[in-house]
């Protein structure tokens, strides 16, 4: 399936910021799409490295049905 990904970082003073532009990738699941680009461990919750990714299917034009993961 084809997925689009947006990476985000955050700091207490500056809040959340998008890192770069959206990236497109082919993968069998949203979580695999997120890990194939950076090769960094991720999870849905827990202490993170201040880097997160939002993944959605290209068929979802509104980006309403997206998954978010936090890199550890």
C-alpha atoms as a PDB file:
ATOM      1  CA  UNK A   1       0.000   0.000   0.000  1.00  0.00           C
ATOM      2  CA  UNK A   2       1.138   3.559  -0.612  1.00  0.00           C
ATOM      3  CA  UNK A   3       1.528   5.817   2.465  1.00  0.00           C
ATOM      4  CA  UNK A   4       2.440   9.446   3.083  1.00  0.00           C
ATOM      5  CA  UNK A   5       4.492  10.407   6.131  1.00  0.00           C
ATOM      6  CA  UNK A   6       5.077  13.704   7.931  1.00  0.00           C
ATOM      7  CA  UNK A   7       7.792  13.990  10.576  1.00  0.00           C
ATOM      8  CA  UNK A   8       7.467  16.275  13.601  1.00  0.00           C
ATOM      9  CA  UNK A   9       9.711  17.409  16.432  1.00  0.00           C
ATOM     10  CA  UNK A  10       8.845  19.402  19.548  1.00  0.00           C
ATOM     11  CA  UNK A  11      10.432  21.476  22.304  1.00  0.00           C
ATOM     12  CA  UNK A  12       8.863  23.026  25.411  1.00  0.00           C
ATOM     13  CA  UNK A  13       9.547  26.576  24.189  1.00  0.00           C
ATOM     14  CA  UNK A  14       8.744  26.245  20.480  1.00  0.00           C
ATOM     15  CA  UNK A  15       6.063  23.532  20.525  1.00  0.00           C
ATOM     16  CA  UNK A  16       5.484  21.147  17.591  1.00  0.00           C
ATOM     17  CA  UNK A  17       7.145  21.714  14.210  1.00  0.00           C
ATOM     18  CA  UNK A  18       6.990  19.745  10.986  1.00  0.00           C
ATOM     19  CA  UNK A  19      10.396  18.514   9.808  1.00  0.00           C
ATOM     20  CA  UNK A  20      10.698  18.722   6.023  1.00  0.00           C
ATOM     21  CA  UNK A  21       7.872  17.955   3.639  1.00  0.00           C
ATOM     22  CA  UNK A  22       5.644  14.888   3.416  1.00  0.00           C
ATOM     23  CA  UNK A  23       7.370  11.725   2.162  1.00  0.00           C
ATOM     24  CA  UNK A  24       5.723   8.913   0.209  1.00  0.00           C
ATOM     25  CA  UNK A  25       6.613   5.244   0.696  1.00  0.00           C
ATOM     26  CA  UNK A  26       5.253   1.802  -0.207  1.00  0.00           C
ATOM     27  CA  UNK A  27       4.843  -0.609   2.722  1.00  0.00           C
ATOM     28  CA  UNK A  28       2.518  -3.311   4.001  1.00  0.00           C
ATOM     29  CA  UNK A  29       1.464  -1.335   7.113  1.00  0.00           C
ATOM     30  CA  UNK A  30       1.662   2.228   8.475  1.00  0.00           C
ATOM     31  CA  UNK A  31       4.114   1.201  11.216  1.00  0.00           C
ATOM     32  CA  UNK A  32       6.423  -0.514   8.720  1.00  0.00           C
ATOM     33  CA  UNK A  33       6.256   2.589   6.517  1.00  0.00           C
ATOM     34  CA  UNK A  34       7.502   4.684   9.453  1.00  0.00           C
ATOM     35  CA  UNK A  35      10.368   2.339  10.362  1.00  0.00           C
ATOM     36  CA  UNK A  36      11.699   1.759   6.837  1.00  0.00           C
ATOM     37  CA  UNK A  37      12.750   5.374   6.353  1.00  0.00           C
ATOM     38  CA  UNK A  38      14.800   5.917   9.508  1.00  0.00           C
ATOM     39  CA  UNK A  39      15.389   2.437  10.877  1.00  0.00           C
ATOM     40  CA  UNK A  40      14.725   3.769  14.400  1.00  0.00           C
ATOM     41  CA  UNK A  41      12.621   1.915  16.990  1.00  0.00           C
ATOM     42  CA  UNK A  42       9.153   3.400  17.468  1.00  0.00           C
ATOM     43  CA  UNK A  43       6.008   2.868  19.498  1.00  0.00           C
ATOM     44  CA  UNK A  44       2.557   4.377  20.003  1.00  0.00           C
ATOM     45  CA  UNK A  45       3.334   5.729  23.506  1.00  0.00           C
ATOM     46  CA  UNK A  46       6.075   6.232  26.069  1.00  0.00           C
ATOM     47  CA  UNK A  47       9.123   8.468  26.413  1.00  0.00           C
ATOM     48  CA  UNK A  48      10.263   9.596  22.973  1.00  0.00           C
ATOM     49  CA  UNK A  49      13.288  11.285  21.378  1.00  0.00           C
ATOM     50  CA  UNK A  50      11.200  14.305  20.458  1.00  0.00           C
ATOM     51  CA  UNK A  51      10.631  12.934  16.977  1.00  0.00           C
ATOM     52  CA  UNK A  52       7.268  11.632  15.800  1.00  0.00           C
ATOM     53  CA  UNK A  53       5.667  10.672  12.498  1.00  0.00           C
ATOM     54  CA  UNK A  54       2.126  10.841  11.178  1.00  0.00           C
ATOM     55  CA  UNK A  55       1.250   8.189   8.557  1.00  0.00           C
ATOM     56  CA  UNK A  56      -1.809   8.078   6.325  1.00  0.00           C
ATOM     57  CA  UNK A  57      -2.920   6.223   3.237  1.00  0.00           C
ATOM     58  CA  UNK A  58      -2.927   8.123  -0.049  1.00  0.00           C
ATOM     59  CA  UNK A  59      -6.590   7.194  -0.465  1.00  0.00           C
ATOM     60  CA  UNK A  60      -7.427   9.319   2.634  1.00  0.00           C
ATOM     61  CA  UNK A  61      -7.495  12.815   1.107  1.00  0.00           C
ATOM     62  CA  UNK A  62      -8.575  14.421   4.412  1.00  0.00           C
ATOM     63  CA  UNK A  63      -5.752  12.707   6.367  1.00  0.00           C
ATOM     64  CA  UNK A  64      -8.424  11.948   8.970  1.00  0.00           C
ATOM     65  CA  UNK A  65      -7.557   8.263   9.402  1.00  0.00           C
ATOM     66  CA  UNK A  66      -3.877   8.580  10.264  1.00  0.00           C
ATOM     67  CA  UNK A  67      -1.554   6.785  12.671  1.00  0.00           C
ATOM     68  CA  UNK A  68       0.995   8.566  14.871  1.00  0.00           C
ATOM     69  CA  UNK A  69       4.186   6.965  16.166  1.00  0.00           C
ATOM     70  CA  UNK A  70       6.943   8.212  18.440  1.00  0.00           C
ATOM     71  CA  UNK A  71      10.583   7.309  17.791  1.00  0.00           C
ATOM     72  CA  UNK A  72      12.511   5.906  20.771  1.00  0.00           C
END
